[in-house]
Amino acid sequence: RYSNQTFNQAAALLVEHGKQGITYLFKRGTHEEFGYTSLCTALAFYFILSCWTAGSAVASGLVIPMLYTGALYGRIIGLVLVSMFGVQTNEYRAWIDPGLFAAIGAASFFSGVSRLTISLTVIMVS
């Protein structure tokens, strides 16, 4: 963060370590924090590098990049829904939140790539 309480969106997603970036993406009520450009850039960057790393013979962790990639595409879908329906505050439509979609996207991407489908999805969503 800068001294005037602003930050660069792309730098927050690409330069910070994975745990902090996932924390940024999972925050609820922050639909204006990240734009489409920074999210799509980070998604392309992490997806390509994760595919390259998974195909190599190097022992490296893929859990955080998989969660990060899923959170990025979930947040993009959440932003699309907020753009279509607006910010909902009533009881029945409060689920339209990009942070919630980031958590669901991370669980879906991780369960789609790994073999821990049902148990991991239940653990992450609850």
Protein backbone atom coordinates (compact mmCIF):
# COMPACT_ATOMS: atom_id res chain seq x y z
CA ARG A 1 0.00 0.00 0.00
CA TYR A 2 1.11 3.53 -0.74
CA SER A 3 1.14 6.36 1.79
CA ASN A 4 -2.18 7.68 0.45
CA GLN A 5 -3.89 4.29 1.17
CA THR A 6 -3.97 3.17 -2.48
CA PHE A 7 -2.29 0.16 -4.08
CA ASN A 8 -1.49 -1.24 -7.49
CA GLN A 9 -3.94 -4.02 -8.30
CA ALA A 10 -1.62 -6.05 -10.50
CA ALA A 11 1.28 -5.75 -8.05
CA ALA A 12 -0.93 -6.93 -5.19
CA LEU A 13 -1.79 -10.06 -7.19
CA LEU A 14 1.55 -10.82 -8.87
CA VAL A 15 4.25 -9.63 -6.47
CA GLU A 16 2.80 -10.65 -3.11
CA HIS A 17 3.25 -14.23 -2.01
CA GLY A 18 0.43 -16.67 -2.75
CA LYS A 19 -1.12 -16.77 0.70
CA GLN A 20 -1.55 -12.99 0.84
CA GLY A 21 -2.95 -12.89 -2.70
CA ILE A 22 -5.52 -15.56 -1.87
CA THR A 23 -6.48 -13.58 1.21
CA TYR A 24 -7.05 -10.50 -0.97
CA LEU A 25 -9.21 -12.48 -3.37
CA PHE A 26 -11.33 -14.16 -0.68
CA LYS A 27 -12.30 -10.88 1.03
CA ARG A 28 -16.03 -10.27 0.94
CA GLY A 29 -17.50 -6.87 0.21
CA THR A 30 -14.58 -5.73 -1.94
CA HIS A 31 -16.10 -5.79 -5.41
CA GLU A 32 -14.24 -2.64 -6.48
CA GLU A 33 -10.80 -3.69 -5.21
CA PHE A 34 -9.62 -5.50 -8.37
CA GLY A 35 -10.47 -4.82 -11.99
CA TYR A 36 -10.84 -7.20 -14.91
CA THR A 37 -7.46 -6.34 -16.41
CA SER A 38 -5.41 -7.17 -13.33
CA LEU A 39 -7.41 -10.34 -12.62
CA CYS A 40 -7.15 -11.64 -16.20
CA THR A 41 -3.42 -10.83 -16.35
CA ALA A 42 -2.74 -12.66 -13.10
CA LEU A 43 -4.93 -15.58 -14.22
CA ALA A 44 -3.03 -16.00 -17.48
CA PHE A 45 0.32 -15.66 -15.71
CA TYR A 46 -0.44 -18.17 -12.96
CA PHE A 47 -2.20 -20.65 -15.24
CA ILE A 48 0.65 -20.79 -17.76
CA LEU A 49 3.33 -21.04 -15.10
CA SER A 50 1.37 -23.69 -13.16
CA CYS A 51 1.00 -25.81 -16.29
CA TRP A 52 4.70 -25.44 -17.02
CA THR A 53 5.67 -26.33 -13.46
CA ALA A 54 3.32 -29.32 -13.28
CA GLY A 55 4.78 -30.73 -16.50
CA SER A 56 8.37 -30.43 -15.37
CA ALA A 57 10.26 -32.94 -13.29
CA VAL A 58 10.95 -30.42 -10.53
CA ALA A 59 9.49 -31.12 -7.12
CA SER A 60 7.43 -28.02 -6.42
CA GLY A 61 4.20 -27.27 -4.65
CA LEU A 62 1.12 -26.79 -6.78
CA VAL A 63 -1.47 -26.39 -4.03
CA ILE A 64 -1.18 -22.61 -3.68
CA PRO A 65 -1.03 -21.95 -7.46
CA MET A 66 -4.11 -24.14 -8.00
CA LEU A 67 -6.04 -22.34 -5.25
CA TYR A 68 -4.83 -19.00 -6.62
CA THR A 69 -5.87 -19.80 -10.18
CA GLY A 70 -9.30 -20.97 -9.07
CA ALA A 71 -9.77 -17.92 -6.87
CA LEU A 72 -8.87 -15.66 -9.80
CA TYR A 73 -11.39 -17.15 -12.19
CA GLY A 74 -14.03 -17.33 -9.46
CA ARG A 75 -13.50 -13.66 -8.67
CA ILE A 76 -13.83 -12.79 -12.38
CA ILE A 77 -17.16 -14.63 -12.54
CA GLY A 78 -18.26 -12.87 -9.35
CA LEU A 79 -17.39 -9.49 -10.88
CA VAL A 80 -19.39 -10.36 -13.99
CA LEU A 81 -22.42 -11.17 -11.82
CA VAL A 82 -22.01 -7.95 -9.83
CA SER A 83 -21.81 -6.04 -13.14
CA MET A 84 -25.01 -7.71 -14.32
CA PHE A 85 -27.11 -7.56 -11.14
CA GLY A 86 -25.40 -4.88 -9.04
CA VAL A 87 -24.41 -5.11 -5.39
CA GLN A 88 -27.15 -6.95 -3.55
CA THR A 89 -27.79 -6.30 0.11
CA ASN A 90 -31.09 -8.05 0.61
CA GLU A 91 -31.34 -11.40 2.33
CA TYR A 92 -31.93 -13.60 -0.71
CA ARG A 93 -29.32 -12.20 -3.11
CA ALA A 94 -26.43 -11.50 -0.73
CA TRP A 95 -24.60 -14.51 -2.21
CA ILE A 96 -23.62 -12.42 -5.25
CA ASP A 97 -20.21 -11.44 -3.89
CA PRO A 98 -16.88 -11.80 -5.75
CA GLY A 99 -15.10 -12.98 -2.58
CA LEU A 100 -17.55 -15.85 -2.17
CA PHE A 101 -17.19 -16.78 -5.82
CA ALA A 102 -13.40 -16.74 -5.39
CA ALA A 103 -13.68 -19.33 -2.60
CA ILE A 104 -16.01 -21.51 -4.66
CA GLY A 105 -13.76 -21.12 -7.72
CA ALA A 106 -10.69 -22.14 -5.72
CA ALA A 107 -12.46 -25.23 -4.40
CA SER A 108 -13.76 -26.18 -7.83
CA PHE A 109 -10.42 -25.72 -9.59
CA PHE A 110 -8.51 -27.60 -6.91
CA SER A 111 -10.99 -30.47 -6.86
CA GLY A 112 -10.99 -30.62 -10.64
CA VAL A 113 -7.21 -30.91 -10.83
CA SER A 114 -6.60 -33.16 -7.85
CA ARG A 115 -8.36 -36.35 -6.80
CA LEU A 116 -9.66 -34.97 -3.52
CA THR A 117 -12.96 -33.92 -5.03
CA ILE A 118 -15.75 -34.28 -2.53
CA SER A 119 -13.88 -34.03 0.78
CA LEU A 120 -11.84 -30.98 -0.19
CA THR A 121 -14.80 -29.14 -1.65
CA VAL A 122 -16.82 -29.71 1.51
CA ILE A 123 -13.93 -28.61 3.73
CA MET A 124 -13.29 -25.41 1.74
CA VAL A 125 -16.91 -24.37 1.38
CA SER A 126 -17.79 -24.94 5.05
